[in-house]
Amino acid sequence: MARSLWFVGLGLCIFVVIGVAYSLHPALIAVGAAATGWVTAERNALRTRISQWPIIRNYIDWPRVENDLTNDADA
């Protein structure tokens, strides 16, 4: 998932560079730049959560979570 976000971010970055080079409408460039920033932030957040998952997994009470999920399904 993180790798595919990398390609999306790269594509958006290339779009922004081409947009500036060919003087596209500033709104298109702004939307492309904002999307590039958002994809970059999401990718970094995903990589951080993936690296923290082994630690967090030890602190979750899985039987309690599963019980809570079955209680929500019954409601």
N, C-alpha and C. Protein backbone atom coordinates (compact mmCIF):
# COMPACT_ATOMS: atom_id res chain seq x y z
N MET A 1 0.82 -1.19 0.00
CA MET A 1 0.00 0.00 0.00
C MET A 1 0.86 1.25 0.00
N ALA A 2 1.90 1.26 0.84
CA ALA A 2 2.76 2.44 0.90
C ALA A 2 3.48 2.66 -0.42
N ARG A 3 3.83 1.57 -1.09
CA ARG A 3 4.53 1.71 -2.37
C ARG A 3 3.60 2.29 -3.44
N SER A 4 2.34 1.88 -3.44
CA SER A 4 1.42 2.44 -4.43
C SER A 4 1.15 3.91 -4.16
N LEU A 5 1.12 4.31 -2.88
CA LEU A 5 0.98 5.73 -2.57
C LEU A 5 2.20 6.51 -3.04
N TRP A 6 3.36 5.88 -3.03
CA TRP A 6 4.56 6.53 -3.52
C TRP A 6 4.42 6.87 -5.00
N PHE A 7 3.89 5.93 -5.77
CA PHE A 7 3.71 6.16 -7.20
C PHE A 7 2.65 7.24 -7.46
N VAL A 8 1.59 7.24 -6.68
CA VAL A 8 0.56 8.28 -6.83
C VAL A 8 1.16 9.64 -6.51
N GLY A 9 1.92 9.73 -5.45
CA GLY A 9 2.57 10.99 -5.09
C GLY A 9 3.54 11.45 -6.15
N LEU A 10 4.29 10.52 -6.71
CA LEU A 10 5.23 10.87 -7.79
C LEU A 10 4.48 11.39 -9.01
N GLY A 11 3.39 10.72 -9.37
CA GLY A 11 2.60 11.17 -10.51
C GLY A 11 2.02 12.57 -10.29
N LEU A 12 1.52 12.82 -9.08
CA LEU A 12 1.00 14.15 -8.78
C LEU A 12 2.09 15.21 -8.81
N CYS A 13 3.26 14.86 -8.30
CA CYS A 13 4.38 15.79 -8.31
C CYS A 13 4.78 16.13 -9.75
N ILE A 14 4.83 15.13 -10.60
CA ILE A 14 5.16 15.36 -12.01
C ILE A 14 4.08 16.24 -12.66
N PHE A 15 2.82 16.01 -12.31
CA PHE A 15 1.74 16.85 -12.82
C PHE A 15 1.94 18.31 -12.42
N VAL A 16 2.31 18.54 -11.17
CA VAL A 16 2.53 19.92 -10.71
C VAL A 16 3.69 20.56 -11.45
N VAL A 17 4.78 19.83 -11.63
CA VAL A 17 5.95 20.37 -12.34
C VAL A 17 5.58 20.70 -13.79
N ILE A 18 4.88 19.80 -14.45
CA ILE A 18 4.46 20.06 -15.83
C ILE A 18 3.47 21.23 -15.88
N GLY A 19 2.59 21.29 -14.90
CA GLY A 19 1.64 22.40 -14.85
C GLY A 19 2.31 23.74 -14.70
N VAL A 20 3.35 23.81 -13.89
CA VAL A 20 4.10 25.06 -13.74
C VAL A 20 4.85 25.36 -15.03
N ALA A 21 5.46 24.35 -15.63
CA ALA A 21 6.25 24.57 -16.84
C ALA A 21 5.38 25.04 -18.01
N TYR A 22 4.17 24.52 -18.12
CA TYR A 22 3.29 24.88 -19.23
C TYR A 22 2.25 25.94 -18.84
N SER A 23 2.41 26.55 -17.72
CA SER A 23 1.53 27.63 -17.24
C SER A 23 0.05 27.24 -17.25
N LEU A 24 -0.24 26.09 -16.65
CA LEU A 24 -1.64 25.70 -16.50
C LEU A 24 -2.31 26.62 -15.49
N HIS A 25 -3.61 26.50 -15.40
CA HIS A 25 -4.37 27.35 -14.48
C HIS A 25 -3.86 27.13 -13.05
N PRO A 26 -3.66 28.22 -12.30
CA PRO A 26 -3.14 28.09 -10.93
C PRO A 26 -3.98 27.19 -10.02
N ALA A 27 -5.28 27.14 -10.25
CA ALA A 27 -6.13 26.28 -9.41
C ALA A 27 -5.77 24.81 -9.62
N LEU A 28 -5.48 24.41 -10.85
CA LEU A 28 -5.08 23.03 -11.11
C LEU A 28 -3.76 22.71 -10.41
N ILE A 29 -2.84 23.65 -10.47
CA ILE A 29 -1.54 23.44 -9.82
C ILE A 29 -1.72 23.36 -8.30
N ALA A 30 -2.58 24.22 -7.75
CA ALA A 30 -2.82 24.20 -6.30
C ALA A 30 -3.47 22.90 -5.86
N VAL A 31 -4.43 22.41 -6.63
CA VAL A 31 -5.09 21.14 -6.29
C VAL A 31 -4.08 20.00 -6.38
N GLY A 32 -3.26 20.00 -7.42
CA GLY A 32 -2.24 18.96 -7.56
C GLY A 32 -1.22 18.99 -6.43
N ALA A 33 -0.81 20.20 -6.05
CA ALA A 33 0.16 20.33 -4.95
C ALA A 33 -0.45 19.89 -3.63
N ALA A 34 -1.72 20.26 -3.39
CA ALA A 34 -2.38 19.84 -2.15
C ALA A 34 -2.55 18.33 -2.10
N ALA A 35 -2.91 17.74 -3.24
CA ALA A 35 -3.05 16.28 -3.28
C ALA A 35 -1.71 15.60 -3.07
N THR A 36 -0.64 16.17 -3.62
CA THR A 36 0.70 15.61 -3.41
C THR A 36 1.06 15.63 -1.92
N GLY A 37 0.79 16.74 -1.25
CA GLY A 37 1.07 16.83 0.18
C GLY A 37 0.25 15.85 0.99
N TRP A 38 -1.03 15.71 0.63
CA TRP A 38 -1.89 14.79 1.36
C TRP A 38 -1.42 13.35 1.19
N VAL A 39 -1.08 12.96 -0.03
CA VAL A 39 -0.63 11.59 -0.29
C VAL A 39 0.69 11.32 0.44
N THR A 40 1.57 12.30 0.45
CA THR A 40 2.85 12.14 1.16
C THR A 40 2.62 11.96 2.66
N ALA A 41 1.72 12.76 3.23
CA ALA A 41 1.43 12.65 4.66
C ALA A 41 0.79 11.30 4.99
N GLU A 42 -0.12 10.85 4.15
CA GLU A 42 -0.77 9.55 4.38
C GLU A 42 0.24 8.41 4.28
N ARG A 43 1.14 8.49 3.33
CA ARG A 43 2.15 7.45 3.17
C ARG A 43 3.05 7.39 4.41
N ASN A 44 3.47 8.55 4.89
CA ASN A 44 4.32 8.58 6.08
C ASN A 44 3.58 8.07 7.30
N ALA A 45 2.31 8.42 7.43
CA ALA A 45 1.52 7.93 8.56
C ALA A 45 1.34 6.42 8.49
N LEU A 46 1.11 5.90 7.29
CA LEU A 46 0.95 4.47 7.12
C LEU A 46 2.24 3.73 7.47
N ARG A 47 3.36 4.25 7.04
CA ARG A 47 4.64 3.61 7.36
C ARG A 47 4.89 3.63 8.86
N THR A 48 4.51 4.72 9.54
CA THR A 48 4.68 4.80 10.98
C THR A 48 3.80 3.79 11.70
N ARG A 49 2.53 3.69 11.27
CA ARG A 49 1.62 2.72 11.91
C ARG A 49 2.08 1.29 11.68
N ILE A 50 2.60 1.01 10.50
CA ILE A 50 3.08 -0.35 10.22
C ILE A 50 4.25 -0.69 11.13
N SER A 51 5.16 0.26 11.33
CA SER A 51 6.32 -0.03 12.18
C SER A 51 5.93 -0.15 13.65
N GLN A 52 4.83 0.50 14.06
CA GLN A 52 4.41 0.45 15.46
C GLN A 52 3.49 -0.73 15.76
N TRP A 53 2.97 -1.39 14.73
CA TRP A 53 1.98 -2.44 14.94
C TRP A 53 2.46 -3.58 15.84
N PRO A 54 3.69 -4.10 15.71
CA PRO A 54 4.09 -5.19 16.61
C PRO A 54 4.04 -4.80 18.08
N ILE A 55 4.32 -3.55 18.40
CA ILE A 55 4.29 -3.10 19.79
C ILE A 55 2.85 -2.95 20.26
N ILE A 56 2.01 -2.34 19.44
CA ILE A 56 0.61 -2.09 19.82
C ILE A 56 -0.16 -3.40 19.95
N ARG A 57 0.15 -4.36 19.09
CA ARG A 57 -0.56 -5.64 19.11
C ARG A 57 -0.47 -6.32 20.47
N ASN A 58 0.64 -6.13 21.18
CA ASN A 58 0.80 -6.76 22.48
C ASN A 58 -0.09 -6.14 23.55
N TYR A 59 -0.52 -4.90 23.36
CA TYR A 59 -1.30 -4.21 24.38
C TYR A 59 -2.81 -4.29 24.17
N ILE A 60 -3.24 -4.90 23.08
CA ILE A 60 -4.67 -4.98 22.80
C ILE A 60 -5.22 -6.27 23.40
N ASP A 61 -6.33 -6.15 24.11
CA ASP A 61 -7.00 -7.31 24.69
C ASP A 61 -7.94 -7.87 23.62
N TRP A 62 -7.43 -8.80 22.80
CA TRP A 62 -8.18 -9.28 21.64
C TRP A 62 -9.49 -9.96 21.99
N PRO A 63 -9.57 -10.79 23.04
CA PRO A 63 -10.89 -11.38 23.37
C PRO A 63 -11.94 -10.31 23.70
N ARG A 64 -11.52 -9.24 24.37
CA ARG A 64 -12.46 -8.16 24.68
C ARG A 64 -12.92 -7.45 23.41
N VAL A 65 -12.01 -7.24 22.47
CA VAL A 65 -12.36 -6.60 21.20
C VAL A 65 -13.34 -7.47 20.43
N GLU A 66 -13.07 -8.77 20.34
CA GLU A 66 -13.97 -9.66 19.62
C GLU A 66 -15.33 -9.74 20.28
N ASN A 67 -15.36 -9.74 21.61
CA ASN A 67 -16.63 -9.75 22.33
C ASN A 67 -17.41 -8.48 22.05
N ASP A 68 -16.73 -7.37 22.04
CA ASP A 68 -17.39 -6.09 21.78
C ASP A 68 -17.93 -6.06 20.35
N LEU A 69 -17.21 -6.63 19.41
CA LEU A 69 -17.69 -6.66 18.03
C LEU A 69 -18.94 -7.52 17.88
N THR A 70 -18.98 -8.65 18.57
CA THR A 70 -20.17 -9.50 18.47
C THR A 70 -21.36 -8.83 19.16
N ASN A 71 -21.11 -8.07 20.24
CA ASN A 71 -22.21 -7.35 20.90
C ASN A 71 -22.75 -6.25 20.01
N ASP A 72 -21.90 -5.59 19.23
CA ASP A 72 -22.37 -4.56 18.31
C ASP A 72 -23.18 -5.16 17.18
N ALA A 73 -22.82 -6.34 16.73
CA ALA A 73 -23.55 -6.98 15.64
C ALA A 73 -24.95 -7.41 16.09
N ASP A 74 -25.10 -7.74 17.37
CA ASP A 74 -26.39 -8.17 17.90
C ASP A 74 -27.33 -6.99 18.09
N ALA A 75 -26.81 -5.81 18.27
CA ALA A 75 -27.65 -4.64 18.58
C ALA A 75 -28.45 -4.15 17.40
